[in-house]
Amino acid sequence: MENFTFKGGITRYWWMPLITGLLSIAIGIWCLCSPDSSLPVLAYVFAGVVIAAGIVNLAFAIANTRIMPGWGWPLALGLIEIITGIWLLTLPESMLIVTFIYTVGVYLIFVTINAICESCMLYTYSSGMTGWLLALLLVTLAFAVIFLAGPVVGGVAVWLYIGISFITFGCYRIALSAKLRRLSHEIRI
């Protein structure tokens, strides 16, 4: 696959990873700033953010069906995010808290592994910053696994792990967006 597949393709939608990155950072900062917030409120906000991220991933996949060979992955991710968000919104509050804790851990692991694949695919087109992107993703993955291994133990540590996971994943998405934008400018020249 050559760089011409990027022309007018996924680099044109560089702003979509930016949106999901900003949403991830916002929820991460909120987790760190208000650990005393009730879990149901955080679960509902998380569900809304996941639905929004799913819509963005769906739009990204649909916009790139003819251009990007791996467009099915963002499509699957978007569908999973939308279904997960809607499912969380429909749960009764008594089940919501426990389900939310495990859903966040599994979600972070899933999107991080998907992002690692995304970053490796992008490496073939531009190797600059890929090491930093992978480092951010490995930190996210480590915190997500730690969080999932003992979500109820540690009280404040839970909010620290989840907050840092979302912030590092958001930073990755913003860096990916910058990389796609730079590729877009290089292709136009």
N, C-alpha and C. Protein backbone atom coordinates (compact mmCIF):
# COMPACT_ATOMS: atom_id res chain seq x y z
N MET A 1 0.85 -1.17 0.00
CA MET A 1 0.00 0.00 0.00
C MET A 1 0.90 1.24 0.00
N GLU A 2 0.58 2.18 -0.81
CA GLU A 2 1.41 3.35 -0.95
C GLU A 2 0.75 4.54 -0.29
N ASN A 3 1.52 5.64 -0.18
CA ASN A 3 1.01 6.84 0.47
C ASN A 3 -0.18 7.46 -0.26
N PHE A 4 -0.37 7.13 -1.53
CA PHE A 4 -1.49 7.73 -2.25
C PHE A 4 -2.83 7.31 -1.66
N THR A 5 -2.88 6.22 -0.92
CA THR A 5 -4.15 5.83 -0.29
C THR A 5 -4.56 6.81 0.79
N PHE A 6 -3.59 7.59 1.29
CA PHE A 6 -3.93 8.58 2.30
C PHE A 6 -4.51 9.85 1.68
N LYS A 7 -4.22 10.10 0.41
CA LYS A 7 -4.65 11.34 -0.22
C LYS A 7 -6.17 11.42 -0.21
N GLY A 8 -6.67 12.41 0.47
CA GLY A 8 -8.11 12.61 0.57
C GLY A 8 -8.77 11.55 1.43
N GLY A 9 -7.99 10.72 2.09
CA GLY A 9 -8.54 9.61 2.88
C GLY A 9 -8.55 9.90 4.36
N ILE A 10 -7.91 8.99 5.10
CA ILE A 10 -8.00 9.10 6.54
C ILE A 10 -7.33 10.35 7.08
N THR A 11 -6.35 10.91 6.35
CA THR A 11 -5.72 12.13 6.84
C THR A 11 -6.67 13.31 6.76
N ARG A 12 -7.66 13.23 5.91
CA ARG A 12 -8.65 14.30 5.80
C ARG A 12 -9.50 14.36 7.07
N TYR A 13 -9.61 13.25 7.78
CA TYR A 13 -10.42 13.19 8.99
C TYR A 13 -9.56 13.15 10.25
N TRP A 14 -8.46 13.87 10.22
CA TRP A 14 -7.53 13.92 11.34
C TRP A 14 -8.20 14.43 12.61
N TRP A 15 -9.24 15.19 12.48
CA TRP A 15 -9.89 15.81 13.64
C TRP A 15 -10.75 14.81 14.43
N MET A 16 -11.10 13.68 13.86
CA MET A 16 -11.93 12.70 14.59
C MET A 16 -11.19 12.08 15.77
N PRO A 17 -9.92 11.64 15.60
CA PRO A 17 -9.20 11.17 16.79
C PRO A 17 -9.00 12.29 17.82
N LEU A 18 -8.92 13.53 17.34
CA LEU A 18 -8.79 14.67 18.25
C LEU A 18 -10.01 14.76 19.17
N ILE A 19 -11.19 14.59 18.61
CA ILE A 19 -12.42 14.66 19.41
C ILE A 19 -12.45 13.55 20.45
N THR A 20 -12.15 12.32 20.04
CA THR A 20 -12.17 11.22 21.02
C THR A 20 -11.07 11.40 22.07
N GLY A 21 -9.95 11.97 21.67
CA GLY A 21 -8.87 12.25 22.62
C GLY A 21 -9.28 13.28 23.66
N LEU A 22 -9.92 14.34 23.20
CA LEU A 22 -10.37 15.38 24.13
C LEU A 22 -11.45 14.85 25.08
N LEU A 23 -12.35 14.02 24.54
CA LEU A 23 -13.37 13.41 25.41
C LEU A 23 -12.73 12.50 26.45
N SER A 24 -11.73 11.72 26.05
CA SER A 24 -11.05 10.83 26.99
C SER A 24 -10.31 11.61 28.07
N ILE A 25 -9.62 12.66 27.67
CA ILE A 25 -8.91 13.48 28.65
C ILE A 25 -9.89 14.15 29.61
N ALA A 26 -11.02 14.62 29.08
CA ALA A 26 -12.01 15.27 29.94
C ALA A 26 -12.54 14.31 31.01
N ILE A 27 -12.86 13.09 30.61
CA ILE A 27 -13.37 12.14 31.61
C ILE A 27 -12.26 11.73 32.57
N GLY A 28 -11.02 11.63 32.10
CA GLY A 28 -9.90 11.30 32.98
C GLY A 28 -9.65 12.38 34.02
N ILE A 29 -9.67 13.63 33.60
CA ILE A 29 -9.48 14.74 34.53
C ILE A 29 -10.63 14.78 35.54
N TRP A 30 -11.83 14.55 35.05
CA TRP A 30 -12.99 14.56 35.95
C TRP A 30 -12.85 13.46 37.00
N CYS A 31 -12.37 12.30 36.60
CA CYS A 31 -12.16 11.20 37.56
C CYS A 31 -11.14 11.60 38.63
N LEU A 32 -10.07 12.27 38.21
CA LEU A 32 -9.04 12.67 39.17
C LEU A 32 -9.48 13.82 40.07
N CYS A 33 -10.28 14.72 39.52
CA CYS A 33 -10.69 15.90 40.28
C CYS A 33 -11.85 15.65 41.23
N SER A 34 -12.64 14.66 40.96
CA SER A 34 -13.80 14.42 41.83
C SER A 34 -13.97 12.95 42.16
N PRO A 35 -13.00 12.39 42.90
CA PRO A 35 -13.12 10.98 43.26
C PRO A 35 -14.29 10.73 44.21
N ASP A 36 -14.78 11.78 44.84
CA ASP A 36 -15.89 11.61 45.77
C ASP A 36 -17.24 11.63 45.07
N SER A 37 -17.23 11.86 43.76
CA SER A 37 -18.50 11.83 43.01
C SER A 37 -19.12 10.46 43.12
N SER A 38 -20.40 10.44 43.05
CA SER A 38 -21.05 9.14 43.15
C SER A 38 -20.79 8.32 41.89
N LEU A 39 -20.65 7.04 42.07
CA LEU A 39 -20.38 6.14 40.95
C LEU A 39 -21.48 6.17 39.88
N PRO A 40 -22.75 6.24 40.25
CA PRO A 40 -23.77 6.27 39.19
C PRO A 40 -23.63 7.48 38.26
N VAL A 41 -23.29 8.64 38.81
CA VAL A 41 -23.11 9.83 37.96
C VAL A 41 -21.95 9.61 37.01
N LEU A 42 -20.84 9.11 37.53
CA LEU A 42 -19.68 8.83 36.68
C LEU A 42 -20.02 7.79 35.62
N ALA A 43 -20.79 6.78 36.00
CA ALA A 43 -21.17 5.74 35.04
C ALA A 43 -22.02 6.31 33.92
N TYR A 44 -22.97 7.18 34.25
CA TYR A 44 -23.81 7.79 33.21
C TYR A 44 -23.00 8.71 32.30
N VAL A 45 -22.08 9.48 32.88
CA VAL A 45 -21.22 10.34 32.06
C VAL A 45 -20.34 9.48 31.15
N PHE A 46 -19.78 8.42 31.72
CA PHE A 46 -18.95 7.52 30.92
C PHE A 46 -19.76 6.93 29.77
N ALA A 47 -20.98 6.50 30.05
CA ALA A 47 -21.83 5.93 28.99
C ALA A 47 -22.06 6.95 27.88
N GLY A 48 -22.32 8.19 28.24
CA GLY A 48 -22.51 9.24 27.24
C GLY A 48 -21.27 9.49 26.41
N VAL A 49 -20.10 9.52 27.07
CA VAL A 49 -18.84 9.73 26.36
C VAL A 49 -18.54 8.55 25.44
N VAL A 50 -18.82 7.34 25.89
CA VAL A 50 -18.58 6.16 25.07
C VAL A 50 -19.48 6.17 23.84
N ILE A 51 -20.72 6.58 24.00
CA ILE A 51 -21.63 6.68 22.85
C ILE A 51 -21.13 7.72 21.87
N ALA A 52 -20.68 8.87 22.38
CA ALA A 52 -20.15 9.92 21.50
C ALA A 52 -18.91 9.44 20.76
N ALA A 53 -18.01 8.75 21.47
CA ALA A 53 -16.80 8.21 20.82
C ALA A 53 -17.18 7.16 19.78
N GLY A 54 -18.19 6.37 20.07
CA GLY A 54 -18.66 5.36 19.12
C GLY A 54 -19.20 5.98 17.85
N ILE A 55 -19.94 7.06 17.99
CA ILE A 55 -20.47 7.76 16.82
C ILE A 55 -19.33 8.31 15.97
N VAL A 56 -18.32 8.89 16.63
CA VAL A 56 -17.16 9.41 15.89
C VAL A 56 -16.42 8.28 15.17
N ASN A 57 -16.21 7.15 15.84
CA ASN A 57 -15.53 6.01 15.20
C ASN A 57 -16.34 5.45 14.04
N LEU A 58 -17.67 5.40 14.20
CA LEU A 58 -18.53 4.95 13.09
C LEU A 58 -18.40 5.88 11.89
N ALA A 59 -18.46 7.17 12.15
CA ALA A 59 -18.35 8.15 11.07
C ALA A 59 -16.99 8.03 10.37
N PHE A 60 -15.93 7.85 11.16
CA PHE A 60 -14.59 7.70 10.61
C PHE A 60 -14.51 6.46 9.72
N ALA A 61 -15.07 5.36 10.17
CA ALA A 61 -15.03 4.11 9.38
C ALA A 61 -15.83 4.24 8.10
N ILE A 62 -17.03 4.80 8.20
CA ILE A 62 -17.90 4.94 7.03
C ILE A 62 -17.27 5.90 6.01
N ALA A 63 -16.64 6.96 6.51
CA ALA A 63 -16.02 7.93 5.61
C ALA A 63 -14.82 7.34 4.87
N ASN A 64 -14.24 6.29 5.39
CA ASN A 64 -13.02 5.73 4.82
C ASN A 64 -13.19 4.33 4.25
N THR A 65 -14.40 3.90 3.96
CA THR A 65 -14.61 2.53 3.48
C THR A 65 -13.88 2.24 2.19
N ARG A 66 -13.77 3.21 1.29
CA ARG A 66 -13.12 2.97 0.01
C ARG A 66 -11.63 3.27 0.03
N ILE A 67 -11.16 3.88 1.11
CA ILE A 67 -9.78 4.36 1.13
C ILE A 67 -8.90 3.54 2.07
N MET A 68 -9.41 3.25 3.24
CA MET A 68 -8.60 2.61 4.28
C MET A 68 -8.86 1.10 4.28
N PRO A 69 -7.80 0.29 4.14
CA PRO A 69 -8.02 -1.16 4.09
C PRO A 69 -8.55 -1.74 5.40
N GLY A 70 -8.22 -1.17 6.55
CA GLY A 70 -8.67 -1.71 7.83
C GLY A 70 -9.85 -0.96 8.40
N TRP A 71 -10.75 -0.47 7.56
CA TRP A 71 -11.86 0.36 8.03
C TRP A 71 -12.84 -0.41 8.90
N GLY A 72 -12.82 -1.73 8.84
CA GLY A 72 -13.74 -2.54 9.64
C GLY A 72 -13.47 -2.46 11.14
N TRP A 73 -12.20 -2.24 11.52
CA TRP A 73 -11.87 -2.15 12.94
C TRP A 73 -12.50 -0.93 13.59
N PRO A 74 -12.36 0.27 13.03
CA PRO A 74 -13.04 1.41 13.66
C PRO A 74 -14.56 1.26 13.63
N LEU A 75 -15.08 0.59 12.59
CA LEU A 75 -16.52 0.34 12.52
C LEU A 75 -16.95 -0.57 13.67
N ALA A 76 -16.22 -1.66 13.89
CA ALA A 76 -16.54 -2.58 14.99
C ALA A 76 -16.39 -1.89 16.33
N LEU A 77 -15.33 -1.11 16.49
CA LEU A 77 -15.12 -0.38 17.74
C LEU A 77 -16.27 0.59 18.00
N GLY A 78 -16.67 1.32 16.97
CA GLY A 78 -17.78 2.26 17.12
C GLY A 78 -19.08 1.57 17.52
N LEU A 79 -19.37 0.45 16.87
CA LEU A 79 -20.59 -0.30 17.21
C LEU A 79 -20.54 -0.82 18.65
N ILE A 80 -19.38 -1.36 19.04
CA ILE A 80 -19.24 -1.86 20.41
C ILE A 80 -19.39 -0.72 21.42
N GLU A 81 -18.81 0.44 21.11
CA GLU A 81 -18.92 1.58 22.02
C GLU A 81 -20.37 2.04 22.16
N ILE A 82 -21.07 2.13 21.05
CA ILE A 82 -22.47 2.58 21.11
C ILE A 82 -23.33 1.58 21.88
N ILE A 83 -23.15 0.30 21.59
CA ILE A 83 -23.94 -0.73 22.28
C ILE A 83 -23.62 -0.74 23.78
N THR A 84 -22.33 -0.63 24.12
CA THR A 84 -21.94 -0.61 25.53
C THR A 84 -22.53 0.59 26.25
N GLY A 85 -22.46 1.77 25.63
CA GLY A 85 -23.01 2.97 26.25
C GLY A 85 -24.51 2.87 26.46
N ILE A 86 -25.23 2.40 25.46
CA ILE A 86 -26.68 2.26 25.59
C ILE A 86 -27.02 1.22 26.65
N TRP A 87 -26.28 0.12 26.66
CA TRP A 87 -26.50 -0.92 27.66
C TRP A 87 -26.32 -0.37 29.08
N LEU A 88 -25.23 0.41 29.30
CA LEU A 88 -25.01 1.01 30.62
C LEU A 88 -26.13 1.95 31.01
N LEU A 89 -26.64 2.71 30.05
CA LEU A 89 -27.72 3.65 30.35
C LEU A 89 -29.02 2.95 30.72
N THR A 90 -29.21 1.72 30.28
CA THR A 90 -30.46 1.01 30.55
C THR A 90 -30.41 0.14 31.81
N LEU A 91 -29.24 0.00 32.41
CA LEU A 91 -29.12 -0.82 33.61
C LEU A 91 -29.76 -0.13 34.82
N PRO A 92 -30.36 -0.91 35.72
CA PRO A 92 -30.83 -0.32 36.97
C PRO A 92 -29.64 0.13 37.81
N GLU A 93 -29.82 1.16 38.61
CA GLU A 93 -28.72 1.74 39.36
C GLU A 93 -28.02 0.74 40.27
N SER A 94 -28.74 -0.21 40.80
CA SER A 94 -28.13 -1.20 41.70
C SER A 94 -27.10 -2.06 40.97
N MET A 95 -27.30 -2.35 39.71
CA MET A 95 -26.36 -3.15 38.93
C MET A 95 -25.31 -2.27 38.22
N LEU A 96 -25.63 -1.01 38.07
CA LEU A 96 -24.80 -0.10 37.28
C LEU A 96 -23.39 0.04 37.83
N ILE A 97 -23.22 0.17 39.13
CA ILE A 97 -21.92 0.45 39.72
C ILE A 97 -20.92 -0.67 39.46
N VAL A 98 -21.29 -1.90 39.78
CA VAL A 98 -20.38 -3.02 39.58
C VAL A 98 -20.11 -3.23 38.10
N THR A 99 -21.15 -3.15 37.30
CA THR A 99 -21.00 -3.32 35.85
C THR A 99 -20.10 -2.24 35.28
N PHE A 100 -20.28 -1.03 35.76
CA PHE A 100 -19.48 0.11 35.29
C PHE A 100 -17.99 -0.12 35.55
N ILE A 101 -17.65 -0.58 36.74
CA ILE A 101 -16.25 -0.78 37.11
C ILE A 101 -15.57 -1.76 36.15
N TYR A 102 -16.22 -2.88 35.91
CA TYR A 102 -15.61 -3.88 35.03
C TYR A 102 -15.67 -3.47 33.55
N THR A 103 -16.72 -2.77 33.18
CA THR A 103 -16.84 -2.29 31.80
C THR A 103 -15.72 -1.32 31.47
N VAL A 104 -15.40 -0.42 32.39
CA VAL A 104 -14.33 0.55 32.14
C VAL A 104 -13.00 -0.17 31.94
N GLY A 105 -12.70 -1.13 32.79
CA GLY A 105 -11.44 -1.87 32.66
C GLY A 105 -11.32 -2.60 31.34
N VAL A 106 -12.36 -3.33 30.98
CA VAL A 106 -12.35 -4.09 29.72
C VAL A 106 -12.32 -3.13 28.53
N TYR A 107 -13.09 -2.05 28.60
CA TYR A 107 -13.13 -1.06 27.52
C TYR A 107 -11.75 -0.47 27.28
N LEU A 108 -11.07 -0.07 28.36
CA LEU A 108 -9.75 0.53 28.21
C LEU A 108 -8.75 -0.45 27.60
N ILE A 109 -8.82 -1.71 28.00
CA ILE A 109 -7.92 -2.72 27.42
C ILE A 109 -8.23 -2.89 25.93
N PHE A 110 -9.50 -2.98 25.59
CA PHE A 110 -9.92 -3.18 24.21
C PHE A 110 -9.48 -2.03 23.31
N VAL A 111 -9.78 -0.78 23.71
CA VAL A 111 -9.42 0.35 22.86
C VAL A 111 -7.91 0.56 22.79
N THR A 112 -7.19 0.20 23.86
CA THR A 112 -5.74 0.34 23.83
C THR A 112 -5.11 -0.66 22.87
N ILE A 113 -5.56 -1.89 22.88
CA ILE A 113 -5.04 -2.89 21.94
C ILE A 113 -5.37 -2.48 20.51
N ASN A 114 -6.58 -1.98 20.28
CA ASN A 114 -6.96 -1.48 18.96
C ASN A 114 -6.05 -0.32 18.55
N ALA A 115 -5.75 0.57 19.48
CA ALA A 115 -4.90 1.71 19.18
C ALA A 115 -3.46 1.29 18.90
N ILE A 116 -2.98 0.24 19.58
CA ILE A 116 -1.63 -0.27 19.31
C ILE A 116 -1.56 -0.77 17.86
N CYS A 117 -2.58 -1.48 17.42
CA CYS A 117 -2.63 -1.94 16.02
C CYS A 117 -2.68 -0.74 15.06
N GLU A 118 -3.47 0.25 15.41
CA GLU A 118 -3.60 1.48 14.61
C GLU A 118 -2.24 2.17 14.49
N SER A 119 -1.54 2.27 15.59
CA SER A 119 -0.24 2.93 15.62
C SER A 119 0.79 2.16 14.79
N CYS A 120 0.75 0.85 14.87
CA CYS A 120 1.68 0.03 14.07
C CYS A 120 1.39 0.18 12.58
N MET A 121 0.12 0.26 12.21
CA MET A 121 -0.23 0.46 10.81
C MET A 121 0.27 1.82 10.33
N LEU A 122 0.14 2.83 11.16
CA LEU A 122 0.58 4.17 10.80
C LEU A 122 2.10 4.26 10.71
N TYR A 123 2.80 3.40 11.43
CA TYR A 123 4.25 3.39 11.43
C TYR A 123 4.81 3.16 10.03
N THR A 124 4.09 2.38 9.21
CA THR A 124 4.57 2.11 7.86
C THR A 124 4.58 3.36 6.99
N TYR A 125 3.81 4.36 7.37
CA TYR A 125 3.74 5.59 6.59
C TYR A 125 4.61 6.70 7.17
N SER A 126 4.79 6.68 8.46
CA SER A 126 5.57 7.72 9.11
C SER A 126 6.06 7.19 10.45
N SER A 127 7.38 7.05 10.58
CA SER A 127 7.91 6.45 11.80
C SER A 127 8.11 7.46 12.93
N GLY A 128 8.08 8.74 12.63
CA GLY A 128 8.27 9.75 13.66
C GLY A 128 7.19 9.69 14.74
N MET A 129 7.58 9.79 15.96
CA MET A 129 6.70 9.80 17.15
C MET A 129 6.04 8.47 17.45
N THR A 130 6.21 7.45 16.65
CA THR A 130 5.52 6.19 16.89
C THR A 130 5.95 5.58 18.22
N GLY A 131 7.21 5.72 18.58
CA GLY A 131 7.69 5.20 19.86
C GLY A 131 6.96 5.85 21.03
N TRP A 132 6.76 7.15 20.95
CA TRP A 132 6.04 7.86 22.02
C TRP A 132 4.58 7.46 22.06
N LEU A 133 4.00 7.29 20.89
CA LEU A 133 2.60 6.86 20.84
C LEU A 133 2.45 5.48 21.49
N LEU A 134 3.35 4.57 21.15
CA LEU A 134 3.30 3.23 21.73
C LEU A 134 3.56 3.27 23.24
N ALA A 135 4.44 4.16 23.68
CA ALA A 135 4.70 4.28 25.12
C ALA A 135 3.45 4.74 25.86
N LEU A 136 2.75 5.73 25.30
CA LEU A 136 1.49 6.18 25.91
C LEU A 136 0.48 5.04 25.99
N LEU A 137 0.41 4.26 24.93
CA LEU A 137 -0.54 3.15 24.91
C LEU A 137 -0.16 2.05 25.90
N LEU A 138 1.12 1.78 26.05
CA LEU A 138 1.55 0.76 27.01
C LEU A 138 1.28 1.21 28.44
N VAL A 139 1.45 2.51 28.72
CA VAL A 139 1.10 3.04 30.05
C VAL A 139 -0.40 2.89 30.28
N THR A 140 -1.18 3.23 29.27
CA THR A 140 -2.64 3.08 29.38
C THR A 140 -3.02 1.63 29.65
N LEU A 141 -2.42 0.72 28.90
CA LEU A 141 -2.70 -0.70 29.06
C LEU A 141 -2.31 -1.19 30.45
N ALA A 142 -1.15 -0.75 30.94
CA ALA A 142 -0.70 -1.17 32.27
C ALA A 142 -1.68 -0.69 33.35
N PHE A 143 -2.08 0.57 33.29
CA PHE A 143 -3.02 1.08 34.28
C PHE A 143 -4.39 0.41 34.17
N ALA A 144 -4.82 0.11 32.96
CA ALA A 144 -6.11 -0.57 32.80
C ALA A 144 -6.07 -1.98 33.38
N VAL A 145 -4.97 -2.69 33.17
CA VAL A 145 -4.85 -4.04 33.73
C VAL A 145 -4.79 -3.98 35.25
N ILE A 146 -4.02 -3.04 35.80
CA ILE A 146 -3.95 -2.88 37.26
C ILE A 146 -5.34 -2.56 37.81
N PHE A 147 -6.04 -1.67 37.15
CA PHE A 147 -7.38 -1.29 37.57
C PHE A 147 -8.32 -2.49 37.55
N LEU A 148 -8.28 -3.26 36.50
CA LEU A 148 -9.17 -4.41 36.37
C LEU A 148 -8.80 -5.54 37.34
N ALA A 149 -7.52 -5.65 37.66
CA ALA A 149 -7.08 -6.70 38.58
C ALA A 149 -7.61 -6.50 39.99
N GLY A 150 -7.80 -5.26 40.41
CA GLY A 150 -8.31 -4.99 41.76
C GLY A 150 -9.13 -3.74 41.79
N PRO A 151 -10.28 -3.69 41.09
CA PRO A 151 -11.03 -2.44 40.97
C PRO A 151 -11.64 -1.94 42.28
N VAL A 152 -11.99 -2.83 43.18
CA VAL A 152 -12.65 -2.40 44.40
C VAL A 152 -11.63 -2.10 45.49
N VAL A 153 -10.45 -2.70 45.40
CA VAL A 153 -9.42 -2.50 46.41
C VAL A 153 -8.71 -1.18 46.16
N GLY A 154 -8.49 -0.43 47.19
CA GLY A 154 -7.67 0.77 47.06
C GLY A 154 -8.42 2.07 47.07
N GLY A 155 -9.71 2.08 46.96
CA GLY A 155 -10.49 3.31 47.05
C GLY A 155 -10.04 4.36 46.08
N VAL A 156 -9.24 5.32 46.56
CA VAL A 156 -8.80 6.43 45.73
C VAL A 156 -7.90 5.94 44.60
N ALA A 157 -7.14 4.87 44.84
CA ALA A 157 -6.26 4.34 43.79
C ALA A 157 -7.05 3.96 42.54
N VAL A 158 -8.28 3.50 42.73
CA VAL A 158 -9.13 3.16 41.59
C VAL A 158 -9.32 4.39 40.71
N TRP A 159 -9.64 5.53 41.32
CA TRP A 159 -9.86 6.76 40.54
C TRP A 159 -8.57 7.22 39.90
N LEU A 160 -7.46 6.99 40.59
CA LEU A 160 -6.17 7.37 40.03
C LEU A 160 -5.88 6.54 38.78
N TYR A 161 -6.06 5.23 38.87
CA TYR A 161 -5.80 4.35 37.72
C TYR A 161 -6.71 4.66 36.54
N ILE A 162 -7.99 4.81 36.81
CA ILE A 162 -8.93 5.07 35.72
C ILE A 162 -8.69 6.45 35.11
N GLY A 163 -8.42 7.44 35.95
CA GLY A 163 -8.16 8.80 35.45
C GLY A 163 -6.92 8.86 34.59
N ILE A 164 -5.83 8.25 35.06
CA ILE A 164 -4.59 8.25 34.29
C ILE A 164 -4.75 7.46 32.99
N SER A 165 -5.48 6.35 33.06
CA SER A 165 -5.71 5.56 31.84
C SER A 165 -6.41 6.38 30.78
N PHE A 166 -7.46 7.08 31.16
CA PHE A 166 -8.18 7.89 30.18
C PHE A 166 -7.33 9.05 29.68
N ILE A 167 -6.56 9.67 30.56
CA ILE A 167 -5.73 10.80 30.14
C ILE A 167 -4.64 10.34 29.17
N THR A 168 -3.96 9.23 29.47
CA THR A 168 -2.91 8.77 28.55
C THR A 168 -3.50 8.32 27.22
N PHE A 169 -4.68 7.67 27.25
CA PHE A 169 -5.31 7.28 26.00
C PHE A 169 -5.72 8.53 25.20
N GLY A 170 -6.24 9.53 25.89
CA GLY A 170 -6.61 10.78 25.22
C GLY A 170 -5.40 11.47 24.60
N CYS A 171 -4.27 11.46 25.32
CA CYS A 171 -3.03 12.04 24.78
C CYS A 171 -2.60 11.30 23.52
N TYR A 172 -2.74 9.97 23.55
CA TYR A 172 -2.41 9.19 22.36
C TYR A 172 -3.29 9.62 21.19
N ARG A 173 -4.60 9.73 21.41
CA ARG A 173 -5.51 10.10 20.33
C ARG A 173 -5.19 11.49 19.77
N ILE A 174 -4.83 12.42 20.64
CA ILE A 174 -4.48 13.77 20.18
C ILE A 174 -3.17 13.73 19.39
N ALA A 175 -2.19 12.95 19.86
CA ALA A 175 -0.93 12.81 19.12
C ALA A 175 -1.17 12.13 17.77
N LEU A 176 -2.05 11.14 17.74
CA LEU A 176 -2.41 10.49 16.48
C LEU A 176 -3.04 11.49 15.53
N SER A 177 -3.90 12.31 16.06
CA SER A 177 -4.55 13.34 15.25
C SER A 177 -3.52 14.30 14.65
N ALA A 178 -2.55 14.71 15.46
CA ALA A 178 -1.49 15.61 14.96
C ALA A 178 -0.67 14.93 13.88
N LYS A 179 -0.41 13.63 14.07
CA LYS A 179 0.37 12.88 13.09
C LYS A 179 -0.40 12.76 11.77
N LEU A 180 -1.69 12.48 11.85
CA LEU A 180 -2.52 12.39 10.64
C LEU A 180 -2.59 13.75 9.93
N ARG A 181 -2.69 14.81 10.71
CA ARG A 181 -2.75 16.15 10.11
C ARG A 181 -1.43 16.47 9.39
N ARG A 182 -0.32 16.14 10.04
CA ARG A 182 0.98 16.36 9.42
C ARG A 182 1.12 15.55 8.13
N LEU A 183 0.68 14.30 8.15
CA LEU A 183 0.72 13.47 6.93
C LEU A 183 -0.13 14.10 5.83
N SER A 184 -1.27 14.65 6.22
CA SER A 184 -2.16 15.30 5.25
C SER A 184 -1.44 16.45 4.57
N HIS A 185 -0.70 17.26 5.34
CA HIS A 185 0.02 18.39 4.76
C HIS A 185 1.18 17.91 3.90
N GLU A 186 1.86 16.83 4.29
CA GLU A 186 2.97 16.29 3.50
C GLU A 186 2.48 15.75 2.15
N ILE A 187 1.31 15.14 2.16
CA ILE A 187 0.76 14.55 0.93
C ILE A 187 0.34 15.64 -0.05
N ARG A 188 -0.18 16.74 0.47
CA ARG A 188 -0.63 17.84 -0.40
C ARG A 188 0.53 18.55 -1.09
N ILE A 189 1.71 18.51 -0.47
CA ILE A 189 2.86 19.24 -1.01
C ILE A 189 3.42 18.54 -2.22
